[in-house]
Amino acid sequence: MISDETMEKIKPGAQVKVHELIKEGEKEKTSVFGGLVIARKHGREIGATFIVRTTLAGVGVEKIYPLHSPMISKVDVISSPKKVHRAKLYYIRNISKKEIRRKLGDVVEKFAAPEAPKTEPASAESKGK
């Protein structure tokens, strides 16, 4: 189940990672799906849902998750937008990542490892004359 604090943070434009339980026979495993929340429907009622979109291997993939599903173990909100001008971001489907970054600010980031720390170039004094 998702906590009340996290439910408030899940809104259109937020970057999230959803951890869902998958049952295969007797085994249970956790699958992680991360992306941009493009819509949230029906508030906090029992049938409330949110849609997460990402691009995998050049193909846009969307998943619809029920807010009150026992199959969702955890939702990590990576970043949340300061201000989005629409409640439903369906127009995101038709534009490039570069255009999305321009419209939403730098909310949309890749799920990549953090960059290595930058090293300062050696000064002329340390190189020797």
N, C-alpha and C. Protein backbone atom coordinates (compact mmCIF):
# COMPACT_ATOMS: atom_id res chain seq x y z
N MET A 1 0.84 -1.18 0.00
CA MET A 1 0.00 0.00 0.00
C MET A 1 0.88 1.25 0.00
N ILE A 2 0.35 2.31 -0.54
CA ILE A 2 1.07 3.56 -0.65
C ILE A 2 0.69 4.46 0.53
N SER A 3 1.68 5.09 1.15
CA SER A 3 1.40 5.97 2.28
C SER A 3 0.71 7.25 1.82
N ASP A 4 0.03 7.93 2.76
CA ASP A 4 -0.68 9.16 2.44
C ASP A 4 0.27 10.26 1.96
N GLU A 5 1.47 10.33 2.55
CA GLU A 5 2.45 11.34 2.14
C GLU A 5 2.85 11.15 0.68
N THR A 6 3.08 9.90 0.30
CA THR A 6 3.47 9.59 -1.07
C THR A 6 2.33 9.85 -2.03
N MET A 7 1.09 9.55 -1.63
CA MET A 7 -0.06 9.79 -2.50
C MET A 7 -0.18 11.26 -2.88
N GLU A 8 0.13 12.14 -1.94
CA GLU A 8 0.06 13.57 -2.23
C GLU A 8 1.14 14.00 -3.21
N LYS A 9 2.28 13.32 -3.21
CA LYS A 9 3.38 13.67 -4.09
C LYS A 9 3.21 13.13 -5.50
N ILE A 10 2.36 12.10 -5.66
CA ILE A 10 2.13 11.53 -6.98
C ILE A 10 1.15 12.44 -7.70
N LYS A 11 1.69 13.23 -8.63
CA LYS A 11 0.85 14.14 -9.41
C LYS A 11 1.45 14.27 -10.81
N PRO A 12 0.69 14.76 -11.76
CA PRO A 12 1.21 14.85 -13.12
C PRO A 12 2.51 15.64 -13.18
N GLY A 13 3.49 15.09 -13.89
CA GLY A 13 4.79 15.72 -14.02
C GLY A 13 5.82 15.15 -13.06
N ALA A 14 5.40 14.35 -12.09
CA ALA A 14 6.34 13.77 -11.12
C ALA A 14 7.08 12.59 -11.74
N GLN A 15 8.33 12.46 -11.40
CA GLN A 15 9.15 11.34 -11.83
C GLN A 15 9.10 10.29 -10.72
N VAL A 16 8.63 9.07 -11.02
CA VAL A 16 8.45 8.05 -9.99
C VAL A 16 9.04 6.70 -10.40
N LYS A 17 9.29 5.86 -9.39
CA LYS A 17 9.63 4.45 -9.58
C LYS A 17 8.61 3.65 -8.79
N VAL A 18 7.91 2.75 -9.47
CA VAL A 18 6.87 1.94 -8.84
C VAL A 18 7.40 0.52 -8.66
N HIS A 19 7.39 0.02 -7.42
CA HIS A 19 7.81 -1.34 -7.10
C HIS A 19 6.55 -2.17 -6.97
N GLU A 20 6.36 -3.11 -7.90
CA GLU A 20 5.16 -3.94 -7.86
C GLU A 20 5.52 -5.40 -7.66
N LEU A 21 4.67 -6.11 -6.92
CA LEU A 21 4.86 -7.53 -6.67
C LEU A 21 4.29 -8.33 -7.83
N ILE A 22 5.06 -9.31 -8.29
CA ILE A 22 4.60 -10.17 -9.37
C ILE A 22 4.65 -11.61 -8.87
N LYS A 23 3.53 -12.32 -8.99
CA LYS A 23 3.47 -13.71 -8.58
C LYS A 23 3.59 -14.60 -9.81
N GLU A 24 4.56 -15.51 -9.77
CA GLU A 24 4.73 -16.50 -10.82
C GLU A 24 4.70 -17.87 -10.16
N GLY A 25 3.56 -18.51 -10.21
CA GLY A 25 3.40 -19.78 -9.52
C GLY A 25 3.43 -19.55 -8.03
N GLU A 26 4.40 -20.15 -7.35
CA GLU A 26 4.54 -19.96 -5.91
C GLU A 26 5.53 -18.85 -5.57
N LYS A 27 6.27 -18.39 -6.56
CA LYS A 27 7.30 -17.38 -6.32
C LYS A 27 6.70 -15.97 -6.38
N GLU A 28 7.28 -15.08 -5.59
CA GLU A 28 6.94 -13.66 -5.64
C GLU A 28 8.21 -12.88 -5.88
N LYS A 29 8.16 -11.93 -6.81
CA LYS A 29 9.32 -11.08 -7.02
C LYS A 29 8.84 -9.64 -7.23
N THR A 30 9.77 -8.72 -7.08
CA THR A 30 9.45 -7.31 -7.21
C THR A 30 9.98 -6.80 -8.54
N SER A 31 9.14 -6.09 -9.26
CA SER A 31 9.52 -5.48 -10.53
C SER A 31 9.45 -3.97 -10.37
N VAL A 32 10.42 -3.26 -10.92
CA VAL A 32 10.46 -1.80 -10.80
C VAL A 32 10.18 -1.19 -12.17
N PHE A 33 9.25 -0.24 -12.21
CA PHE A 33 8.92 0.48 -13.43
C PHE A 33 9.00 1.97 -13.11
N GLY A 34 9.85 2.68 -13.80
CA GLY A 34 10.03 4.10 -13.52
C GLY A 34 9.67 4.95 -14.71
N GLY A 35 9.18 6.15 -14.44
CA GLY A 35 8.85 7.04 -15.53
C GLY A 35 8.16 8.30 -15.03
N LEU A 36 7.48 8.97 -15.94
CA LEU A 36 6.81 10.23 -15.69
C LEU A 36 5.32 9.99 -15.48
N VAL A 37 4.76 10.56 -14.43
CA VAL A 37 3.31 10.46 -14.20
C VAL A 37 2.64 11.43 -15.16
N ILE A 38 1.78 10.90 -16.05
CA ILE A 38 1.11 11.79 -17.00
C ILE A 38 -0.33 12.08 -16.62
N ALA A 39 -0.91 11.28 -15.71
CA ALA A 39 -2.29 11.54 -15.29
C ALA A 39 -2.56 10.86 -13.96
N ARG A 40 -3.47 11.45 -13.23
CA ARG A 40 -3.99 10.85 -12.01
C ARG A 40 -5.49 11.05 -12.03
N LYS A 41 -6.24 9.98 -11.79
CA LYS A 41 -7.70 10.05 -11.92
C LYS A 41 -8.40 9.61 -10.65
N HIS A 42 -9.53 10.19 -10.40
CA HIS A 42 -10.48 9.83 -9.34
C HIS A 42 -9.98 10.10 -7.93
N GLY A 43 -9.11 11.07 -7.76
CA GLY A 43 -8.71 11.53 -6.43
C GLY A 43 -8.15 10.45 -5.53
N ARG A 44 -8.83 10.25 -4.36
CA ARG A 44 -8.36 9.25 -3.38
C ARG A 44 -9.35 8.10 -3.20
N GLU A 45 -10.37 8.05 -4.03
CA GLU A 45 -11.37 6.99 -3.85
C GLU A 45 -10.80 5.62 -4.17
N ILE A 46 -11.59 4.60 -3.97
CA ILE A 46 -11.14 3.22 -4.12
C ILE A 46 -10.64 2.92 -5.54
N GLY A 47 -11.27 3.46 -6.54
CA GLY A 47 -10.89 3.20 -7.93
C GLY A 47 -9.87 4.17 -8.48
N ALA A 48 -9.19 4.94 -7.64
CA ALA A 48 -8.23 5.95 -8.11
C ALA A 48 -7.02 5.29 -8.79
N THR A 49 -6.55 5.90 -9.88
CA THR A 49 -5.42 5.37 -10.62
C THR A 49 -4.45 6.48 -11.00
N PHE A 50 -3.23 6.07 -11.37
CA PHE A 50 -2.28 7.01 -11.97
C PHE A 50 -1.57 6.30 -13.11
N ILE A 51 -1.19 7.07 -14.14
CA ILE A 51 -0.56 6.52 -15.33
C ILE A 51 0.90 6.95 -15.36
N VAL A 52 1.79 5.97 -15.54
CA VAL A 52 3.23 6.23 -15.61
C VAL A 52 3.70 5.89 -17.02
N ARG A 53 4.47 6.79 -17.62
CA ARG A 53 4.96 6.60 -18.99
C ARG A 53 6.48 6.69 -19.02
N THR A 54 7.08 5.81 -19.80
CA THR A 54 8.52 5.84 -20.05
C THR A 54 8.79 5.32 -21.45
N THR A 55 10.01 5.47 -21.91
CA THR A 55 10.40 4.96 -23.21
C THR A 55 11.40 3.83 -23.00
N LEU A 56 11.07 2.65 -23.51
CA LEU A 56 11.95 1.48 -23.41
C LEU A 56 12.30 1.01 -24.81
N ALA A 57 13.58 0.98 -25.13
CA ALA A 57 14.07 0.53 -26.44
C ALA A 57 13.41 1.31 -27.57
N GLY A 58 13.20 2.60 -27.37
CA GLY A 58 12.63 3.46 -28.40
C GLY A 58 11.12 3.37 -28.55
N VAL A 59 10.47 2.64 -27.66
CA VAL A 59 9.02 2.47 -27.71
C VAL A 59 8.41 3.04 -26.44
N GLY A 60 7.39 3.88 -26.57
CA GLY A 60 6.71 4.45 -25.41
C GLY A 60 5.87 3.39 -24.72
N VAL A 61 6.03 3.27 -23.40
CA VAL A 61 5.29 2.29 -22.61
C VAL A 61 4.56 3.01 -21.50
N GLU A 62 3.27 2.73 -21.34
CA GLU A 62 2.48 3.31 -20.27
C GLU A 62 1.87 2.21 -19.43
N LYS A 63 1.86 2.42 -18.13
CA LYS A 63 1.20 1.47 -17.22
C LYS A 63 0.24 2.24 -16.35
N ILE A 64 -0.91 1.65 -16.12
CA ILE A 64 -1.92 2.25 -15.25
C ILE A 64 -1.92 1.48 -13.94
N TYR A 65 -1.69 2.21 -12.83
CA TYR A 65 -1.62 1.59 -11.51
C TYR A 65 -2.78 2.08 -10.64
N PRO A 66 -3.49 1.16 -9.97
CA PRO A 66 -4.47 1.57 -8.97
C PRO A 66 -3.73 2.07 -7.72
N LEU A 67 -4.20 3.17 -7.14
CA LEU A 67 -3.53 3.72 -5.95
C LEU A 67 -3.60 2.78 -4.76
N HIS A 68 -4.71 2.07 -4.60
CA HIS A 68 -4.93 1.26 -3.41
C HIS A 68 -4.66 -0.22 -3.65
N SER A 69 -3.84 -0.54 -4.63
CA SER A 69 -3.55 -1.93 -4.95
C SER A 69 -2.58 -2.55 -3.94
N PRO A 70 -2.88 -3.75 -3.44
CA PRO A 70 -1.94 -4.42 -2.53
C PRO A 70 -0.72 -4.96 -3.29
N MET A 71 -0.76 -4.97 -4.62
CA MET A 71 0.35 -5.46 -5.42
C MET A 71 1.46 -4.41 -5.57
N ILE A 72 1.21 -3.18 -5.18
CA ILE A 72 2.25 -2.14 -5.21
C ILE A 72 2.89 -2.12 -3.83
N SER A 73 4.17 -2.48 -3.77
CA SER A 73 4.85 -2.52 -2.49
C SER A 73 5.38 -1.15 -2.08
N LYS A 74 5.81 -0.37 -3.07
CA LYS A 74 6.42 0.92 -2.73
C LYS A 74 6.42 1.81 -3.96
N VAL A 75 6.30 3.13 -3.75
CA VAL A 75 6.44 4.11 -4.83
C VAL A 75 7.47 5.14 -4.38
N ASP A 76 8.53 5.29 -5.15
CA ASP A 76 9.55 6.30 -4.87
C ASP A 76 9.29 7.50 -5.77
N VAL A 77 9.08 8.67 -5.17
CA VAL A 77 8.92 9.89 -5.95
C VAL A 77 10.31 10.51 -6.06
N ILE A 78 10.89 10.45 -7.24
CA ILE A 78 12.24 10.93 -7.47
C ILE A 78 12.28 12.45 -7.52
N SER A 79 11.39 13.01 -8.32
CA SER A 79 11.30 14.47 -8.39
C SER A 79 9.86 14.85 -8.66
N SER A 80 9.49 15.99 -8.15
CA SER A 80 8.13 16.47 -8.31
C SER A 80 8.20 17.86 -8.91
N PRO A 81 7.33 18.17 -9.86
CA PRO A 81 7.41 19.47 -10.52
C PRO A 81 6.95 20.59 -9.61
N LYS A 82 7.52 21.77 -9.81
CA LYS A 82 7.06 22.92 -9.05
C LYS A 82 5.70 23.37 -9.53
N LYS A 83 5.53 23.42 -10.85
CA LYS A 83 4.24 23.84 -11.39
C LYS A 83 4.06 23.23 -12.77
N VAL A 84 2.95 22.56 -12.95
CA VAL A 84 2.56 22.02 -14.25
C VAL A 84 1.24 22.68 -14.59
N HIS A 85 1.09 23.12 -15.83
CA HIS A 85 -0.08 23.90 -16.20
C HIS A 85 -1.27 23.06 -16.63
N ARG A 86 -1.16 21.75 -16.62
CA ARG A 86 -2.28 20.89 -17.02
C ARG A 86 -2.42 19.73 -16.03
N ALA A 87 -3.65 19.24 -15.91
CA ALA A 87 -3.91 18.11 -15.01
C ALA A 87 -3.58 16.78 -15.69
N LYS A 88 -3.69 16.73 -17.00
CA LYS A 88 -3.39 15.52 -17.75
C LYS A 88 -2.34 15.86 -18.80
N LEU A 89 -1.24 15.15 -18.80
CA LEU A 89 -0.13 15.45 -19.70
C LEU A 89 -0.11 14.50 -20.91
N TYR A 90 -1.27 14.28 -21.52
CA TYR A 90 -1.35 13.37 -22.65
C TYR A 90 -0.57 13.88 -23.86
N TYR A 91 -0.35 15.18 -23.96
CA TYR A 91 0.40 15.72 -25.10
C TYR A 91 1.86 15.26 -25.09
N ILE A 92 2.34 14.75 -23.96
CA ILE A 92 3.71 14.24 -23.84
C ILE A 92 3.93 13.07 -24.81
N ARG A 93 2.87 12.36 -25.14
CA ARG A 93 2.98 11.19 -26.03
C ARG A 93 3.53 11.57 -27.40
N ASN A 94 3.26 12.78 -27.85
CA ASN A 94 3.58 13.16 -29.22
C ASN A 94 4.82 14.05 -29.36
N ILE A 95 5.54 14.33 -28.28
CA ILE A 95 6.69 15.22 -28.40
C ILE A 95 7.97 14.52 -27.93
N SER A 96 9.11 15.07 -28.32
CA SER A 96 10.41 14.45 -28.01
C SER A 96 10.83 14.73 -26.57
N LYS A 97 11.84 13.99 -26.11
CA LYS A 97 12.33 14.18 -24.74
C LYS A 97 12.89 15.58 -24.54
N LYS A 98 13.53 16.11 -25.57
CA LYS A 98 14.10 17.45 -25.49
C LYS A 98 12.98 18.47 -25.27
N GLU A 99 11.89 18.30 -25.99
CA GLU A 99 10.75 19.21 -25.86
C GLU A 99 10.07 19.05 -24.49
N ILE A 100 10.02 17.83 -23.98
CA ILE A 100 9.44 17.59 -22.65
C ILE A 100 10.25 18.30 -21.58
N ARG A 101 11.59 18.20 -21.67
CA ARG A 101 12.45 18.89 -20.70
C ARG A 101 12.23 20.39 -20.75
N ARG A 102 12.02 20.94 -21.94
CA ARG A 102 11.80 22.37 -22.08
C ARG A 102 10.48 22.77 -21.45
N LYS A 103 9.44 21.98 -21.65
CA LYS A 103 8.12 22.33 -21.14
C LYS A 103 7.99 22.12 -19.63
N LEU A 104 8.55 21.03 -19.11
CA LEU A 104 8.40 20.70 -17.70
C LEU A 104 9.59 21.10 -16.85
N GLY A 105 10.57 21.71 -17.44
CA GLY A 105 11.79 22.00 -16.71
C GLY A 105 12.65 20.75 -16.71
N ASP A 106 13.57 20.68 -15.80
CA ASP A 106 14.46 19.53 -15.75
C ASP A 106 13.92 18.43 -14.86
N VAL A 107 12.62 18.22 -14.86
CA VAL A 107 12.00 17.16 -14.07
C VAL A 107 12.32 15.81 -14.69
N VAL A 108 12.30 15.75 -16.02
CA VAL A 108 12.51 14.48 -16.70
C VAL A 108 14.00 14.19 -16.77
N GLU A 109 14.41 13.16 -16.08
CA GLU A 109 15.80 12.74 -16.09
C GLU A 109 15.86 11.27 -16.43
N LYS A 110 16.97 10.84 -16.95
CA LYS A 110 17.14 9.43 -17.27
C LYS A 110 17.40 8.66 -15.99
N PHE A 111 17.02 7.40 -15.97
CA PHE A 111 17.29 6.54 -14.82
C PHE A 111 18.67 5.94 -14.99
N ALA A 112 19.67 6.78 -14.96
CA ALA A 112 21.04 6.33 -15.14
C ALA A 112 21.80 6.51 -13.83
N ALA A 113 22.96 5.91 -13.79
CA ALA A 113 23.80 6.06 -12.60
C ALA A 113 24.27 7.51 -12.50
N PRO A 114 24.47 8.01 -11.29
CA PRO A 114 24.93 9.38 -11.15
C PRO A 114 26.31 9.56 -11.78
N GLU A 115 26.58 10.78 -12.22
CA GLU A 115 27.85 11.06 -12.87
C GLU A 115 29.00 10.95 -11.87
N ALA A 116 30.16 10.62 -12.39
CA ALA A 116 31.36 10.56 -11.56
C ALA A 116 31.74 11.98 -11.15
N PRO A 117 32.31 12.15 -9.98
CA PRO A 117 32.69 13.50 -9.56
C PRO A 117 33.72 14.09 -10.52
N LYS A 118 33.55 15.38 -10.79
CA LYS A 118 34.46 16.05 -11.72
C LYS A 118 35.76 16.39 -11.01
N THR A 119 36.84 16.18 -11.72
CA THR A 119 38.15 16.52 -11.16
C THR A 119 38.61 17.82 -11.79
N GLU A 120 39.30 18.59 -11.01
CA GLU A 120 39.81 19.87 -11.51
C GLU A 120 41.07 19.62 -12.32
N PRO A 121 41.24 20.35 -13.42
CA PRO A 121 42.47 20.18 -14.20
C PRO A 121 43.68 20.66 -13.39
N ALA A 122 44.79 20.02 -13.64
CA ALA A 122 46.01 20.38 -12.92
C ALA A 122 46.45 21.78 -13.32
N SER A 123 46.86 22.56 -12.35
CA SER A 123 47.31 23.92 -12.64
C SER A 123 48.74 23.90 -13.17
N ALA A 124 49.19 25.01 -13.69
CA ALA A 124 50.54 25.10 -14.26
C ALA A 124 51.59 24.89 -13.19
N GLU A 125 51.31 25.29 -11.95
CA GLU A 125 52.28 25.13 -10.86
C GLU A 125 52.49 23.67 -10.51
N SER A 126 51.44 22.88 -10.52
CA SER A 126 51.58 21.49 -10.11
C SER A 126 52.23 20.64 -11.20
N LYS A 127 52.17 21.08 -12.47
CA LYS A 127 52.77 20.32 -13.55
C LYS A 127 54.29 20.45 -13.56
N GLY A 128 54.78 21.54 -13.01
CA GLY A 128 56.22 21.76 -13.05
C GLY A 128 56.56 22.62 -14.26
N LYS A 129 57.60 23.38 -14.15
CA LYS A 129 57.93 24.32 -15.23
C LYS A 129 59.01 23.82 -16.10
